[in-house]
Amino acid sequence: MTEPVDHVAAGLKRIGHQYGHSEKFRQWIAATLEPLNNLEAVFLSLLDLDLDTAEGVVLDLLGRIVGAPAIIPDALSLPLFGFDGQENAQPFGDTSDPEIGGFWLESGGSGASAVVLDEAQYRIAIQAQILKNSSDCTPDQIIQIVNLLTSAPYVYVDGDMWIGVGLAGIDSLALFERRLIETFLPRPAGVGLRFFDNLIDGFGWADQPDSLGFGETTDASIGGFWIEEI
């Protein structure tokens, strides 16, 4: 670590002999330079920051330095009326029990609320933001960030002016993980981002990697589902 400089002592040594015996002048020099010692101590402490152990205001400071948001909008599905397969969907109501069932999504609503990242999630977000800040948007760099944000199996897809994340239907990404990827994935200007369910072990043809053939009515484990964009 860089050794701090005692700016007060250094300043007092530079006083001309004409003023060397003036106690008030020496006190004024000391009072003027003492804040520099405090500032230098703060800057030097920044050199010892460790993202893996940072917490509280120090973690918040690191996040602000790199520009990582601590709040992810529209990342948690609200418990509204929906159908099987929809995240956090509620069934029809029951007149005998008002606790059963979900309300309709109002027109213009997103159906999701923001998520405030906890410290463990924010550490990951800061790492992802650091990678994004220094990224050249190569496939390897994109895959590195996706691996940081989710443990779900996926395949990277290059399209025509878009990049995609292909998923297995049984391991589809939660809305929260999709929002994280949308927030922190580096993309060139004009390049879109798409998510596909059932791209892994979905229905396809013999020359398509990670695909399955037609299903069998007597055995539900045979065959693949249609690939769907989510």
Protein backbone atom coordinates (compact mmCIF):
# COMPACT_ATOMS: atom_id res chain seq x y z
CA MET A 1 0.00 0.00 0.00
CA THR A 2 1.19 3.55 -0.74
CA GLU A 3 2.52 5.27 2.36
CA PRO A 4 0.51 8.37 3.35
CA VAL A 5 2.17 11.79 3.46
CA ASP A 6 1.83 13.91 6.59
CA HIS A 7 0.88 17.14 4.85
CA VAL A 8 0.84 19.12 8.09
CA ALA A 9 4.42 18.17 8.96
CA ALA A 10 5.55 18.79 5.38
CA GLY A 11 3.88 22.20 5.34
CA LEU A 12 5.38 23.30 8.64
CA LYS A 13 8.85 22.42 7.38
CA ARG A 14 8.39 24.79 4.45
CA ILE A 15 7.62 27.89 6.53
CA GLY A 16 10.13 30.64 5.95
CA HIS A 17 12.33 31.58 8.88
CA GLN A 18 10.66 34.98 9.09
CA TYR A 19 7.43 33.26 10.26
CA GLY A 20 8.88 30.18 11.93
CA HIS A 21 8.34 31.53 15.44
CA SER A 22 4.75 32.71 14.86
CA GLU A 23 2.57 30.21 16.72
CA LYS A 24 -0.65 31.53 15.21
CA PHE A 25 0.76 31.20 11.70
CA ARG A 26 1.88 27.63 12.43
CA GLN A 27 -1.61 26.80 13.78
CA TRP A 28 -3.19 28.27 10.66
CA ILE A 29 -0.92 26.16 8.41
CA ALA A 30 -1.77 23.01 10.41
CA ALA A 31 -5.53 23.70 10.31
CA THR A 32 -5.36 24.35 6.56
CA LEU A 33 -3.45 21.16 5.71
CA GLU A 34 -5.10 18.69 8.12
CA PRO A 35 -8.10 18.10 5.75
CA LEU A 36 -5.59 16.94 3.12
CA ASN A 37 -4.46 14.19 5.49
CA ASN A 38 -8.08 13.11 5.95
CA LEU A 39 -8.77 13.12 2.19
CA GLU A 40 -5.63 11.14 1.45
CA ALA A 41 -6.57 8.55 4.10
CA VAL A 42 -9.94 8.10 2.38
CA PHE A 43 -8.40 7.75 -1.09
CA LEU A 44 -5.79 5.28 0.16
CA SER A 45 -8.50 3.22 1.85
CA LEU A 46 -10.18 2.86 -1.55
CA LEU A 47 -7.12 0.96 -2.77
CA ASP A 48 -7.83 -1.77 -0.22
CA LEU A 49 -11.51 -2.28 -1.09
CA ASP A 50 -12.45 -5.91 -1.73
CA LEU A 51 -15.72 -6.52 -3.57
CA ASP A 52 -16.00 -10.04 -2.12
CA THR A 53 -16.06 -8.73 1.46
CA ALA A 54 -17.47 -5.21 1.01
CA GLU A 55 -20.80 -4.51 2.66
CA GLY A 56 -23.08 -1.64 3.58
CA VAL A 57 -22.07 1.82 2.42
CA VAL A 58 -18.76 0.52 1.04
CA LEU A 59 -20.61 -1.89 -1.25
CA ASP A 60 -22.95 0.92 -2.29
CA LEU A 61 -19.92 3.09 -3.05
CA LEU A 62 -18.40 0.43 -5.31
CA GLY A 63 -21.73 0.09 -7.09
CA ARG A 64 -21.93 3.84 -7.71
CA ILE A 65 -18.34 3.95 -8.94
CA VAL A 66 -18.97 1.34 -11.66
CA GLY A 67 -22.57 2.42 -12.34
CA ALA A 68 -24.35 -0.77 -11.24
CA PRO A 69 -28.06 -0.23 -10.45
CA ALA A 70 -29.26 -1.56 -7.09
CA ILE A 71 -32.91 -1.70 -8.20
CA ILE A 72 -34.09 -3.83 -11.14
CA PRO A 73 -37.46 -2.61 -12.50
CA ASP A 74 -40.30 -4.94 -13.51
CA ALA A 75 -38.39 -7.99 -12.23
CA LEU A 76 -40.92 -9.73 -9.94
CA SER A 77 -44.20 -11.05 -11.32
CA LEU A 78 -47.20 -9.85 -9.34
CA PRO A 79 -49.77 -12.44 -8.14
CA LEU A 80 -52.38 -11.74 -10.83
CA PHE A 81 -54.86 -13.96 -12.66
CA GLY A 82 -53.15 -16.14 -15.26
CA PHE A 83 -52.71 -19.65 -16.58
CA ASP A 84 -50.48 -22.67 -16.01
CA GLY A 85 -46.90 -21.91 -16.93
CA GLN A 86 -47.11 -18.20 -16.14
CA GLU A 87 -44.83 -17.12 -13.31
CA ASN A 88 -46.73 -16.40 -10.06
CA ALA A 89 -50.08 -16.73 -11.87
CA GLN A 90 -53.21 -17.07 -9.73
CA PRO A 91 -56.28 -19.18 -10.62
CA PHE A 92 -59.96 -18.21 -10.88
CA GLY A 93 -61.46 -16.81 -7.70
CA ASP A 94 -63.86 -18.57 -5.36
CA THR A 95 -66.96 -16.74 -4.13
CA SER A 96 -66.76 -18.60 -0.82
CA ASP A 97 -63.14 -17.61 -0.17
CA PRO A 98 -61.89 -14.18 -1.27
CA GLU A 99 -58.29 -15.27 -0.60
CA ILE A 100 -58.42 -17.62 -3.60
CA GLY A 101 -57.72 -16.32 -7.11
CA GLY A 102 -56.00 -13.33 -8.64
CA PHE A 103 -57.12 -9.98 -10.01
CA TRP A 104 -56.99 -8.99 -13.67
CA LEU A 105 -53.95 -7.07 -14.89
CA GLU A 106 -55.11 -3.50 -15.38
CA SER A 107 -54.64 -1.88 -18.78
CA GLY A 108 -51.25 -0.22 -19.03
CA GLY A 109 -49.79 -2.17 -16.11
CA SER A 110 -46.60 -4.19 -16.40
CA GLY A 111 -47.70 -7.04 -14.14
CA ALA A 112 -44.38 -6.90 -12.30
CA SER A 113 -42.72 -4.91 -9.53
CA ALA A 114 -39.17 -3.73 -8.99
CA VAL A 115 -36.64 -5.77 -7.02
CA VAL A 116 -34.16 -4.16 -4.63
CA LEU A 117 -31.02 -6.29 -4.77
CA ASP A 118 -29.69 -7.68 -1.50
CA GLU A 119 -25.95 -7.48 -0.80
CA ALA A 120 -25.14 -10.90 -2.28
CA GLN A 121 -27.10 -10.09 -5.45
CA TYR A 122 -25.56 -6.62 -5.62
CA ARG A 123 -22.02 -8.04 -5.53
CA ILE A 124 -22.88 -10.13 -8.58
CA ALA A 125 -24.48 -7.10 -10.24
CA ILE A 126 -21.32 -5.05 -9.67
CA GLN A 127 -19.16 -7.81 -11.17
CA ALA A 128 -21.48 -7.95 -14.19
CA GLN A 129 -21.37 -4.15 -14.57
CA ILE A 130 -17.56 -4.17 -14.45
CA LEU A 131 -17.48 -6.77 -17.22
CA LYS A 132 -20.05 -4.78 -19.20
CA ASN A 133 -18.08 -1.55 -18.84
CA SER A 134 -14.97 -3.14 -20.36
CA SER A 135 -16.74 -5.34 -22.91
CA ASP A 136 -16.24 -5.39 -26.68
CA CYS A 137 -19.55 -7.32 -27.01
CA THR A 138 -17.88 -10.52 -28.20
CA PRO A 139 -19.80 -13.80 -27.78
CA ASP A 140 -17.29 -15.03 -25.18
CA GLN A 141 -17.77 -11.88 -23.10
CA ILE A 142 -21.56 -12.11 -23.38
CA ILE A 143 -21.51 -15.77 -22.31
CA GLN A 144 -19.25 -14.90 -19.36
CA ILE A 145 -21.81 -12.39 -18.06
CA VAL A 146 -24.78 -14.72 -18.60
CA ASN A 147 -22.92 -17.43 -16.66
CA LEU A 148 -22.48 -14.94 -13.82
CA LEU A 149 -26.19 -14.07 -13.72
CA THR A 150 -27.78 -17.52 -13.99
CA SER A 151 -26.99 -21.18 -13.41
CA ALA A 152 -29.77 -22.40 -15.71
CA PRO A 153 -28.66 -24.38 -18.79
CA TYR A 154 -28.79 -22.31 -21.96
CA VAL A 155 -27.27 -21.90 -25.40
CA TYR A 156 -26.05 -18.67 -26.96
CA VAL A 157 -27.66 -17.82 -30.31
CA ASP A 158 -26.45 -15.33 -32.93
CA GLY A 159 -29.20 -13.96 -35.14
CA ASP A 160 -29.64 -11.24 -37.76
CA MET A 161 -29.13 -8.04 -35.73
CA TRP A 162 -30.06 -9.87 -32.51
CA ILE A 163 -28.51 -12.21 -29.98
CA GLY A 164 -30.48 -14.81 -28.09
CA VAL A 165 -30.49 -16.99 -25.00
CA GLY A 166 -31.99 -20.41 -25.71
CA LEU A 167 -33.37 -22.32 -22.72
CA ALA A 168 -34.66 -25.73 -21.78
CA GLY A 169 -38.39 -25.59 -21.02
CA ILE A 170 -38.06 -27.28 -17.61
CA ASP A 171 -35.30 -24.85 -16.61
CA SER A 172 -36.74 -21.64 -18.02
CA LEU A 173 -35.41 -18.42 -16.57
CA ALA A 174 -37.44 -16.61 -13.96
CA LEU A 175 -38.48 -13.06 -14.87
CA PHE A 176 -35.91 -11.72 -12.37
CA GLU A 177 -33.02 -13.47 -14.15
CA ARG A 178 -34.22 -12.29 -17.56
CA ARG A 179 -34.32 -8.71 -16.30
CA LEU A 180 -30.79 -9.06 -14.89
CA ILE A 181 -29.51 -10.27 -18.26
CA GLU A 182 -31.34 -7.46 -20.08
CA THR A 183 -29.78 -4.93 -17.68
CA PHE A 184 -26.18 -6.11 -17.67
CA LEU A 185 -25.65 -7.79 -21.04
CA PRO A 186 -23.43 -5.72 -23.34
CA ARG A 187 -24.87 -5.26 -26.82
CA PRO A 188 -23.77 -3.20 -29.81
CA ALA A 189 -26.11 -0.38 -30.86
CA GLY A 190 -29.07 -1.69 -32.84
CA VAL A 191 -28.67 -5.31 -31.70
CA GLY A 192 -31.69 -6.83 -29.97
CA LEU A 193 -31.89 -9.45 -27.22
CA ARG A 194 -34.31 -12.40 -27.37
CA PHE A 195 -35.13 -15.32 -25.07
CA PHE A 196 -36.40 -18.70 -26.31
CA ASP A 197 -37.99 -21.49 -24.31
CA ASN A 198 -37.48 -25.13 -25.39
CA LEU A 199 -34.53 -24.32 -27.62
CA ILE A 200 -32.70 -27.06 -25.70
CA ASP A 201 -34.51 -30.38 -26.26
CA GLY A 202 -37.29 -28.63 -28.14
CA PHE A 203 -38.91 -29.90 -31.34
CA GLY A 204 -36.63 -29.72 -34.36
CA TRP A 205 -35.00 -31.67 -37.17
CA ALA A 206 -32.06 -34.04 -37.42
CA ASP A 207 -29.54 -31.34 -38.35
CA GLN A 208 -30.58 -29.00 -35.53
CA PRO A 209 -28.41 -29.31 -32.40
CA ASP A 210 -30.14 -29.87 -29.03
CA SER A 211 -33.44 -30.78 -30.72
CA LEU A 212 -35.94 -33.63 -30.35
CA GLY A 213 -38.31 -35.18 -32.88
CA PHE A 214 -42.05 -35.75 -32.96
CA GLY A 215 -43.80 -36.80 -29.77
CA GLU A 216 -45.57 -40.05 -28.98
CA THR A 217 -49.12 -40.07 -27.61
CA THR A 218 -48.40 -43.18 -25.55
CA ASP A 219 -45.20 -41.83 -24.01
CA ALA A 220 -45.08 -38.16 -22.95
CA SER A 221 -41.32 -38.33 -22.45
CA ILE A 222 -40.71 -38.74 -26.19
CA GLY A 223 -40.43 -35.73 -28.46
CA GLY A 224 -39.89 -32.02 -27.96
CA PHE A 225 -42.12 -29.02 -27.40
CA TRP A 226 -42.40 -26.09 -29.79
CA ILE A 227 -39.72 -23.43 -29.42
CA GLU A 228 -41.34 -20.25 -28.10
CA GLU A 229 -39.97 -16.75 -27.69
CA ILE A 230 -40.56 -15.37 -24.20
